[in-house]
Amino acid sequence: MNQISIGYLTWKKQHILSKTLQSHQQNGLFDIIPPENRSVFIQEYSDKDIDLVNKYHINILKDKRNIGILDAFIQLVENCKTKYFIFSENDFLLMKDGFEIQQTLNDVISILDNDKYGMVKLSNSKKPGFLYVKGGAEWLKGDQSKYQYKAESLSWIPNPKEFYKDIKTVIYNYEWFIFDKEDQRWSNHIYACNTEYLQKVIVPLLKHSRDNNPKLDRRYQGLEDTLMFPENIPNQNDMIKELISLHNQRHIYSGGGNFFHNRR
């Protein structure tokens, strides 16, 4: 499958990255994505990082500094030469638990071919691993129609189709729930998008936000803040306004992924 690339972002966590890459190899991802379509950006790199990544035949982008998630992400996306791109931080294990990665990626292609601005979340919807948000008994009793992390909520809602009355799905090899931008904030958790969307819409928005907002947190939260709240991007010209309009057409899909956030 030469249409999909994966780009990893890592920094100073060889033991976690090692487990991640081992799981991706053992559970079939590297049988599908060839070496030329694998890349990693290593922040604050060391010889140990280089040796580890070379074992898995991954192309290396690197910096001795921690340049932050935003700028590293931009380089990974700009480096992509395939139609589809998967973004993965260093701590997402690939499981083998009822889902086959080949079937999942076939679904990704089908979804993205029918949704130019789609974002396919690849975490396991029921066993996603570490989440920054979590519901509970009291949460389930409330009206969550305006909740903005609905994809994450699939992991604790017993029956999403009953809980979210108007939820839409699409079925290929697996069933995927579909969320509008109002229902799901942007997250760096492992996902796939059309490369054209990332290169022609997302990257220009990020660069403009970075270059026009000296207070932007380029190291950690700035990427997500920009893409969650694009209306707050400063000094908007007509081109940026048009890109924001395109970005706001996005849909988010979750359901047939099988990655686990192994945050340690």
C-alpha atoms as a PDB file:
ATOM      1  CA  MET A   1       0.000   0.000   0.000  1.00  0.00           C
ATOM      2  CA  ASN A   2       2.048   2.905  -1.315  1.00  0.00           C
ATOM      3  CA  GLN A   3      -0.619   5.587  -0.804  1.00  0.00           C
ATOM      4  CA  ILE A   4      -0.221   5.969   2.978  1.00  0.00           C
ATOM      5  CA  SER A   5       2.642   7.461   4.989  1.00  0.00           C
ATOM      6  CA  ILE A   6       3.111   7.549   8.734  1.00  0.00           C
ATOM      7  CA  GLY A   7       4.977  10.284  10.567  1.00  0.00           C
ATOM      8  CA  TYR A   8       6.091   9.845  14.162  1.00  0.00           C
ATOM      9  CA  LEU A   9       6.977  12.541  16.660  1.00  0.00           C
ATOM     10  CA  THR A  10       9.266  11.593  19.543  1.00  0.00           C
ATOM     11  CA  TRP A  11      11.556  13.068  22.159  1.00  0.00           C
ATOM     12  CA  LYS A  12      13.761  11.534  24.877  1.00  0.00           C
ATOM     13  CA  LYS A  13      11.625   8.422  25.388  1.00  0.00           C
ATOM     14  CA  GLN A  14      13.461   5.581  23.699  1.00  0.00           C
ATOM     15  CA  HIS A  15      11.827   2.918  25.886  1.00  0.00           C
ATOM     16  CA  ILE A  16       8.323   4.051  24.918  1.00  0.00           C
ATOM     17  CA  LEU A  17       9.174   4.563  21.245  1.00  0.00           C
ATOM     18  CA  SER A  18      10.779   1.108  21.187  1.00  0.00           C
ATOM     19  CA  LYS A  19       7.555  -0.544  22.410  1.00  0.00           C
ATOM     20  CA  THR A  20       5.524   1.455  19.919  1.00  0.00           C
ATOM     21  CA  LEU A  21       7.626   0.568  16.889  1.00  0.00           C
ATOM     22  CA  GLN A  22       7.851  -3.062  17.969  1.00  0.00           C
ATOM     23  CA  SER A  23       4.055  -3.282  18.150  1.00  0.00           C
ATOM     24  CA  HIS A  24       3.696  -1.614  14.761  1.00  0.00           C
ATOM     25  CA  GLN A  25       6.072  -4.117  13.241  1.00  0.00           C
ATOM     26  CA  GLN A  26       4.723  -7.222  14.989  1.00  0.00           C
ATOM     27  CA  ASN A  27       1.071  -6.419  14.313  1.00  0.00           C
ATOM     28  CA  GLY A  28       1.451  -5.745  10.618  1.00  0.00           C
ATOM     29  CA  LEU A  29       1.659  -1.998  10.041  1.00  0.00           C
ATOM     30  CA  PHE A  30       5.144  -2.175   8.533  1.00  0.00           C
ATOM     31  CA  ASP A  31       4.016  -4.967   6.224  1.00  0.00           C
ATOM     32  CA  ILE A  32       1.640  -2.392   4.720  1.00  0.00           C
ATOM     33  CA  ILE A  33       3.566   0.888   4.909  1.00  0.00           C
ATOM     34  CA  PRO A  34       6.962   0.525   3.187  1.00  0.00           C
ATOM     35  CA  PRO A  35      10.177   2.104   4.541  1.00  0.00           C
ATOM     36  CA  GLU A  36      10.110   5.028   2.123  1.00  0.00           C
ATOM     37  CA  ASN A  37       6.741   6.083   3.578  1.00  0.00           C
ATOM     38  CA  ARG A  38       7.830   6.001   7.224  1.00  0.00           C
ATOM     39  CA  SER A  39       9.326   9.073   8.850  1.00  0.00           C
ATOM     40  CA  VAL A  40      10.061  10.300  12.344  1.00  0.00           C
ATOM     41  CA  PHE A  41      10.927  13.689  13.782  1.00  0.00           C
ATOM     42  CA  ILE A  42      13.241  13.254  16.773  1.00  0.00           C
ATOM     43  CA  GLN A  43      13.428  16.196  19.141  1.00  0.00           C
ATOM     44  CA  GLU A  44      16.625  16.539  21.208  1.00  0.00           C
ATOM     45  CA  TYR A  45      17.960  13.485  19.419  1.00  0.00           C
ATOM     46  CA  SER A  46      20.761  11.216  20.588  1.00  0.00           C
ATOM     47  CA  ASP A  47      22.719   8.368  19.037  1.00  0.00           C
ATOM     48  CA  LYS A  48      20.421   5.943  20.866  1.00  0.00           C
ATOM     49  CA  ASP A  49      17.407   7.457  19.112  1.00  0.00           C
ATOM     50  CA  ILE A  50      19.068   7.143  15.718  1.00  0.00           C
ATOM     51  CA  ASP A  51      20.099   3.530  16.321  1.00  0.00           C
ATOM     52  CA  LEU A  52      16.600   2.573  17.443  1.00  0.00           C
ATOM     53  CA  VAL A  53      14.819   4.174  14.497  1.00  0.00           C
ATOM     54  CA  ASN A  54      17.283   2.742  11.975  1.00  0.00           C
ATOM     55  CA  LYS A  55      16.331  -0.780  13.124  1.00  0.00           C
ATOM     56  CA  TYR A  56      12.879  -0.158  11.674  1.00  0.00           C
ATOM     57  CA  HIS A  57      14.026   1.512   8.443  1.00  0.00           C
ATOM     58  CA  ILE A  58      12.378   4.860   9.152  1.00  0.00           C
ATOM     59  CA  ASN A  59      13.452   8.119   7.531  1.00  0.00           C
ATOM     60  CA  ILE A  60      14.771  10.584  10.080  1.00  0.00           C
ATOM     61  CA  LEU A  61      14.123  14.275  10.618  1.00  0.00           C
ATOM     62  CA  LYS A  62      15.825  15.607  13.713  1.00  0.00           C
ATOM     63  CA  ASP A  63      16.862  18.567  15.820  1.00  0.00           C
ATOM     64  CA  LYS A  64      19.133  18.905  18.838  1.00  0.00           C
ATOM     65  CA  ARG A  65      16.567  21.292  20.314  1.00  0.00           C
ATOM     66  CA  ASN A  66      12.987  20.710  21.355  1.00  0.00           C
ATOM     67  CA  ILE A  67      11.386  22.817  18.627  1.00  0.00           C
ATOM     68  CA  GLY A  68       7.891  21.872  19.766  1.00  0.00           C
ATOM     69  CA  ILE A  69       5.000  19.834  18.431  1.00  0.00           C
ATOM     70  CA  LEU A  70       3.804  22.521  16.012  1.00  0.00           C
ATOM     71  CA  ASP A  71       7.013  22.989  14.019  1.00  0.00           C
ATOM     72  CA  ALA A  72       7.877  19.289  14.025  1.00  0.00           C
ATOM     73  CA  PHE A  73       4.391  18.444  12.770  1.00  0.00           C
ATOM     74  CA  ILE A  74       4.763  20.957   9.941  1.00  0.00           C
ATOM     75  CA  GLN A  75       8.019  19.340   8.823  1.00  0.00           C
ATOM     76  CA  LEU A  76       6.540  15.840   8.925  1.00  0.00           C
ATOM     77  CA  VAL A  77       3.547  16.887   6.832  1.00  0.00           C
ATOM     78  CA  GLU A  78       5.643  18.835   4.330  1.00  0.00           C
ATOM     79  CA  ASN A  79       7.881  15.788   3.976  1.00  0.00           C
ATOM     80  CA  CYS A  80       4.943  13.522   3.048  1.00  0.00           C
ATOM     81  CA  LYS A  81       4.698  12.455  -0.593  1.00  0.00           C
ATOM     82  CA  THR A  82       1.700  10.123  -0.461  1.00  0.00           C
ATOM     83  CA  LYS A  83      -2.036  10.759  -0.740  1.00  0.00           C
ATOM     84  CA  TYR A  84      -2.802   9.961   2.908  1.00  0.00           C
ATOM     85  CA  PHE A  85      -0.887  10.723   6.101  1.00  0.00           C
ATOM     86  CA  ILE A  86      -1.011   9.196   9.585  1.00  0.00           C
ATOM     87  CA  PHE A  87       0.293  11.293  12.465  1.00  0.00           C
ATOM     88  CA  SER A  88       1.451   9.378  15.524  1.00  0.00           C
ATOM     89  CA  GLU A  89       3.190  10.535  18.656  1.00  0.00           C
ATOM     90  CA  ASN A  90       5.632   8.073  20.185  1.00  0.00           C
ATOM     91  CA  ASP A  91       3.273   6.265  22.568  1.00  0.00           C
ATOM     92  CA  PHE A  92       0.508   4.677  20.483  1.00  0.00           C
ATOM     93  CA  LEU A  93       0.736   0.889  20.466  1.00  0.00           C
ATOM     94  CA  LEU A  94      -0.900  -1.133  17.704  1.00  0.00           C
ATOM     95  CA  MET A  95      -3.001  -3.900  19.231  1.00  0.00           C
ATOM     96  CA  LYS A  96      -4.400  -7.048  17.697  1.00  0.00           C
ATOM     97  CA  ASP A  97      -7.807  -7.180  19.319  1.00  0.00           C
ATOM     98  CA  GLY A  98     -10.617  -7.860  16.881  1.00  0.00           C
ATOM     99  CA  PHE A  99      -9.400  -5.411  14.240  1.00  0.00           C
ATOM    100  CA  GLU A 100      -7.035  -6.045  11.356  1.00  0.00           C
ATOM    101  CA  ILE A 101      -4.832  -3.097  10.419  1.00  0.00           C
ATOM    102  CA  GLN A 102      -5.130  -3.845   6.701  1.00  0.00           C
ATOM    103  CA  GLN A 103      -8.916  -3.660   6.903  1.00  0.00           C
ATOM    104  CA  THR A 104      -8.713  -0.491   9.001  1.00  0.00           C
ATOM    105  CA  LEU A 105      -6.469   1.244   6.473  1.00  0.00           C
ATOM    106  CA  ASN A 106      -8.730   0.156   3.630  1.00  0.00           C
ATOM    107  CA  ASP A 107     -11.542   1.867   5.530  1.00  0.00           C
ATOM    108  CA  VAL A 108      -9.391   4.975   6.018  1.00  0.00           C
ATOM    109  CA  ILE A 109      -8.896   5.250   2.273  1.00  0.00           C
ATOM    110  CA  SER A 110     -12.621   4.792   1.609  1.00  0.00           C
ATOM    111  CA  ILE A 111     -13.537   7.456   4.184  1.00  0.00           C
ATOM    112  CA  LEU A 112     -10.983  10.001   3.030  1.00  0.00           C
ATOM    113  CA  ASP A 113     -11.776   9.463  -0.634  1.00  0.00           C
ATOM    114  CA  ASN A 114     -15.345  10.494   0.192  1.00  0.00           C
ATOM    115  CA  ASP A 115     -14.500  13.285   2.641  1.00  0.00           C
ATOM    116  CA  LYS A 116     -11.755  15.678   1.557  1.00  0.00           C
ATOM    117  CA  TYR A 117     -11.581  17.264   5.004  1.00  0.00           C
ATOM    118  CA  GLY A 118     -12.095  14.125   7.070  1.00  0.00           C
ATOM    119  CA  MET A 119     -10.026  13.174  10.118  1.00  0.00           C
ATOM    120  CA  VAL A 120     -10.010   9.456  10.969  1.00  0.00           C
ATOM    121  CA  LYS A 121      -9.111   8.806  14.590  1.00  0.00           C
ATOM    122  CA  LEU A 122      -7.238   5.520  14.875  1.00  0.00           C
ATOM    123  CA  SER A 123      -7.376   4.861  18.620  1.00  0.00           C
ATOM    124  CA  ASN A 124      -9.497   1.896  19.663  1.00  0.00           C
ATOM    125  CA  SER A 125     -12.859   3.503  20.447  1.00  0.00           C
ATOM    126  CA  LYS A 126     -13.553   1.206  23.437  1.00  0.00           C
ATOM    127  CA  LYS A 127     -10.005   0.710  24.728  1.00  0.00           C
ATOM    128  CA  PRO A 128      -8.170   3.901  23.746  1.00  0.00           C
ATOM    129  CA  GLY A 129      -5.710   3.911  26.631  1.00  0.00           C
ATOM    130  CA  PHE A 130      -4.920   7.183  28.349  1.00  0.00           C
ATOM    131  CA  LEU A 131      -7.391  10.016  27.756  1.00  0.00           C
ATOM    132  CA  TYR A 132      -7.294  13.579  29.035  1.00  0.00           C
ATOM    133  CA  VAL A 133     -11.085  13.510  29.496  1.00  0.00           C
ATOM    134  CA  LYS A 134     -13.280  10.939  31.202  1.00  0.00           C
ATOM    135  CA  GLY A 135     -16.969  10.530  31.962  1.00  0.00           C
ATOM    136  CA  GLY A 136     -18.677   8.694  34.785  1.00  0.00           C
ATOM    137  CA  ALA A 137     -22.070   7.891  36.278  1.00  0.00           C
ATOM    138  CA  GLU A 138     -23.009  11.538  36.769  1.00  0.00           C
ATOM    139  CA  TRP A 139     -21.774  12.450  33.283  1.00  0.00           C
ATOM    140  CA  LEU A 140     -24.001   9.762  31.762  1.00  0.00           C
ATOM    141  CA  LYS A 141     -27.065  11.234  33.504  1.00  0.00           C
ATOM    142  CA  GLY A 142     -26.607  14.654  31.934  1.00  0.00           C
ATOM    143  CA  ASP A 143     -27.447  16.171  28.570  1.00  0.00           C
ATOM    144  CA  GLN A 144     -24.216  15.812  26.596  1.00  0.00           C
ATOM    145  CA  SER A 145     -25.518  16.962  23.229  1.00  0.00           C
ATOM    146  CA  LYS A 146     -23.007  19.834  23.242  1.00  0.00           C
ATOM    147  CA  TYR A 147     -20.098  17.789  24.614  1.00  0.00           C
ATOM    148  CA  GLN A 148     -17.007  18.448  22.480  1.00  0.00           C
ATOM    149  CA  TYR A 149     -15.129  15.186  22.981  1.00  0.00           C
ATOM    150  CA  LYS A 150     -17.724  12.789  21.669  1.00  0.00           C
ATOM    151  CA  ALA A 151     -15.181  10.501  19.980  1.00  0.00           C
ATOM    152  CA  GLU A 152     -13.441   9.944  23.322  1.00  0.00           C
ATOM    153  CA  SER A 153     -16.802   9.402  25.025  1.00  0.00           C
ATOM    154  CA  LEU A 154     -17.388   6.291  22.915  1.00  0.00           C
ATOM    155  CA  SER A 155     -15.044   4.506  25.343  1.00  0.00           C
ATOM    156  CA  TRP A 156     -17.356   4.946  28.339  1.00  0.00           C
ATOM    157  CA  ILE A 157     -20.840   5.109  26.802  1.00  0.00           C
ATOM    158  CA  PRO A 158     -22.493   1.650  26.820  1.00  0.00           C
ATOM    159  CA  ASN A 159     -24.546   2.272  23.669  1.00  0.00           C
ATOM    160  CA  PRO A 160     -23.573   5.406  21.702  1.00  0.00           C
ATOM    161  CA  LYS A 161     -26.457   5.079  19.247  1.00  0.00           C
ATOM    162  CA  GLU A 162     -28.967   5.311  22.084  1.00  0.00           C
ATOM    163  CA  PHE A 163     -27.051   7.986  23.986  1.00  0.00           C
ATOM    164  CA  TYR A 164     -26.486  10.260  20.966  1.00  0.00           C
ATOM    165  CA  LYS A 165     -29.879   9.992  19.243  1.00  0.00           C
ATOM    166  CA  ASP A 166     -28.874  11.555  15.919  1.00  0.00           C
ATOM    167  CA  ILE A 167     -25.396  10.089  15.606  1.00  0.00           C
ATOM    168  CA  LYS A 168     -24.402   9.087  12.072  1.00  0.00           C
ATOM    169  CA  THR A 169     -22.286   6.111  11.069  1.00  0.00           C
ATOM    170  CA  VAL A 170     -20.686   4.692   7.978  1.00  0.00           C
ATOM    171  CA  ILE A 171     -19.827   1.017   7.490  1.00  0.00           C
ATOM    172  CA  TYR A 172     -17.029  -0.418   5.390  1.00  0.00           C
ATOM    173  CA  ASN A 173     -15.092  -3.285   6.953  1.00  0.00           C
ATOM    174  CA  TYR A 174     -15.877  -1.704  10.339  1.00  0.00           C
ATOM    175  CA  GLU A 175     -18.461   0.736  11.611  1.00  0.00           C
ATOM    176  CA  TRP A 176     -17.311   4.330  12.089  1.00  0.00           C
ATOM    177  CA  PHE A 177     -19.135   7.049  14.007  1.00  0.00           C
ATOM    178  CA  ILE A 178     -19.177  10.471  12.337  1.00  0.00           C
ATOM    179  CA  PHE A 179     -18.876  13.732  14.269  1.00  0.00           C
ATOM    180  CA  ASP A 180     -19.105  17.347  13.153  1.00  0.00           C
ATOM    181  CA  LYS A 181     -16.485  19.876  14.210  1.00  0.00           C
ATOM    182  CA  GLU A 182     -18.815  21.137  16.974  1.00  0.00           C
ATOM    183  CA  ASP A 183     -18.847  17.634  18.475  1.00  0.00           C
ATOM    184  CA  GLN A 184     -15.134  16.945  18.533  1.00  0.00           C
ATOM    185  CA  ARG A 185     -12.171  19.184  19.231  1.00  0.00           C
ATOM    186  CA  TRP A 186      -8.911  18.681  17.369  1.00  0.00           C
ATOM    187  CA  SER A 187      -6.568  16.255  19.112  1.00  0.00           C
ATOM    188  CA  ASN A 188      -3.050  15.033  18.397  1.00  0.00           C
ATOM    189  CA  HIS A 189      -4.055  11.449  19.236  1.00  0.00           C
ATOM    190  CA  ILE A 190      -3.176   9.193  16.313  1.00  0.00           C
ATOM    191  CA  TYR A 191      -5.210   9.976  13.194  1.00  0.00           C
ATOM    192  CA  ALA A 192      -5.194   9.910   9.383  1.00  0.00           C
ATOM    193  CA  CYS A 193      -6.072  12.703   6.944  1.00  0.00           C
ATOM    194  CA  ASN A 194      -5.748  13.467   3.294  1.00  0.00           C
ATOM    195  CA  THR A 195      -2.284  14.900   2.783  1.00  0.00           C
ATOM    196  CA  GLU A 196      -3.666  17.630   0.544  1.00  0.00           C
ATOM    197  CA  TYR A 197      -5.889  18.869   3.393  1.00  0.00           C
ATOM    198  CA  LEU A 198      -2.922  18.951   5.762  1.00  0.00           C
ATOM    199  CA  GLN A 199      -0.501  20.555   3.319  1.00  0.00           C
ATOM    200  CA  LYS A 200      -2.821  23.110   1.712  1.00  0.00           C
ATOM    201  CA  VAL A 201      -5.090  24.034   4.623  1.00  0.00           C
ATOM    202  CA  ILE A 202      -3.671  22.978   7.988  1.00  0.00           C
ATOM    203  CA  VAL A 203       0.005  23.851   7.492  1.00  0.00           C
ATOM    204  CA  PRO A 204      -0.683  27.367   6.133  1.00  0.00           C
ATOM    205  CA  LEU A 205      -3.014  28.027   9.079  1.00  0.00           C
ATOM    206  CA  LEU A 206      -0.391  26.820  11.542  1.00  0.00           C
ATOM    207  CA  LYS A 207       2.367  28.882   9.948  1.00  0.00           C
ATOM    208  CA  HIS A 208       0.245  32.018   9.905  1.00  0.00           C
ATOM    209  CA  SER A 209      -0.790  31.498  13.527  1.00  0.00           C
ATOM    210  CA  ARG A 210       2.816  30.872  14.557  1.00  0.00           C
ATOM    211  CA  ASP A 211       4.174  33.880  12.698  1.00  0.00           C
ATOM    212  CA  ASN A 212       1.501  36.298  13.869  1.00  0.00           C
ATOM    213  CA  ASN A 213       1.105  35.280  17.491  1.00  0.00           C
ATOM    214  CA  PRO A 214       4.295  35.566  19.564  1.00  0.00           C
ATOM    215  CA  LYS A 215       2.434  34.191  22.607  1.00  0.00           C
ATOM    216  CA  LEU A 216       1.457  30.958  20.860  1.00  0.00           C
ATOM    217  CA  ASP A 217       2.641  27.848  22.734  1.00  0.00           C
ATOM    218  CA  ARG A 218       4.596  26.294  19.878  1.00  0.00           C
ATOM    219  CA  ARG A 219       6.072  23.572  22.075  1.00  0.00           C
ATOM    220  CA  TYR A 220       2.897  21.957  23.387  1.00  0.00           C
ATOM    221  CA  GLN A 221      -0.641  23.307  23.039  1.00  0.00           C
ATOM    222  CA  GLY A 222      -0.292  25.754  20.156  1.00  0.00           C
ATOM    223  CA  LEU A 223      -1.081  23.299  17.365  1.00  0.00           C
ATOM    224  CA  GLU A 224      -4.299  22.096  18.981  1.00  0.00           C
ATOM    225  CA  ASP A 225      -5.324  25.602  20.065  1.00  0.00           C
ATOM    226  CA  THR A 226      -4.932  26.918  16.519  1.00  0.00           C
ATOM    227  CA  LEU A 227      -6.953  24.121  14.950  1.00  0.00           C
ATOM    228  CA  MET A 228      -9.634  24.001  17.654  1.00  0.00           C
ATOM    229  CA  PHE A 229     -10.200  27.757  17.619  1.00  0.00           C
ATOM    230  CA  PRO A 230      -9.177  28.987  14.156  1.00  0.00           C
ATOM    231  CA  GLU A 231     -11.391  32.050  14.552  1.00  0.00           C
ATOM    232  CA  ASN A 232      -8.792  33.304  17.060  1.00  0.00           C
ATOM    233  CA  ILE A 233      -5.942  33.282  14.540  1.00  0.00           C
ATOM    234  CA  PRO A 234      -4.649  36.881  14.447  1.00  0.00           C
ATOM    235  CA  ASN A 235      -4.225  39.174  11.445  1.00  0.00           C
ATOM    236  CA  GLN A 236      -6.537  37.219   9.171  1.00  0.00           C
ATOM    237  CA  ASN A 237      -6.410  38.089   5.485  1.00  0.00           C
ATOM    238  CA  ASP A 238      -8.762  36.804   2.788  1.00  0.00           C
ATOM    239  CA  MET A 239      -6.660  33.705   2.167  1.00  0.00           C
ATOM    240  CA  ILE A 240      -6.620  32.752   5.858  1.00  0.00           C
ATOM    241  CA  LYS A 241     -10.364  33.325   6.124  1.00  0.00           C
ATOM    242  CA  GLU A 242     -10.898  30.996   3.160  1.00  0.00           C
ATOM    243  CA  LEU A 243      -8.658  28.329   4.721  1.00  0.00           C
ATOM    244  CA  ILE A 244     -10.566  28.584   7.999  1.00  0.00           C
ATOM    245  CA  SER A 245     -13.803  28.108   6.070  1.00  0.00           C
ATOM    246  CA  LEU A 246     -12.410  24.938   4.479  1.00  0.00           C
ATOM    247  CA  HIS A 247     -11.063  23.675   7.821  1.00  0.00           C
ATOM    248  CA  ASN A 248     -14.511  24.158   9.359  1.00  0.00           C
ATOM    249  CA  GLN A 249     -15.953  21.651   6.875  1.00  0.00           C
ATOM    250  CA  ARG A 250     -14.139  18.825   8.630  1.00  0.00           C
ATOM    251  CA  HIS A 251     -15.738  15.673   9.999  1.00  0.00           C
ATOM    252  CA  ILE A 252     -14.194  13.313  12.525  1.00  0.00           C
ATOM    253  CA  TYR A 253     -14.523   9.524  12.344  1.00  0.00           C
ATOM    254  CA  SER A 254     -13.950   6.974  15.100  1.00  0.00           C
ATOM    255  CA  GLY A 255     -14.717   3.292  15.464  1.00  0.00           C
ATOM    256  CA  GLY A 256     -12.478   0.946  13.501  1.00  0.00           C
ATOM    257  CA  GLY A 257      -9.050   1.897  14.801  1.00  0.00           C
ATOM    258  CA  ASN A 258      -6.973  -0.295  17.053  1.00  0.00           C
ATOM    259  CA  PHE A 259      -4.225   1.818  18.622  1.00  0.00           C
ATOM    260  CA  PHE A 260      -3.759   2.203  22.381  1.00  0.00           C
ATOM    261  CA  HIS A 261      -2.351   5.316  24.062  1.00  0.00           C
ATOM    262  CA  ASN A 262       0.455   3.906  26.211  1.00  0.00           C
ATOM    263  CA  ARG A 263       1.240   7.085  28.162  1.00  0.00           C
ATOM    264  CA  ARG A 264       3.754   6.231  30.891  1.00  0.00           C
END
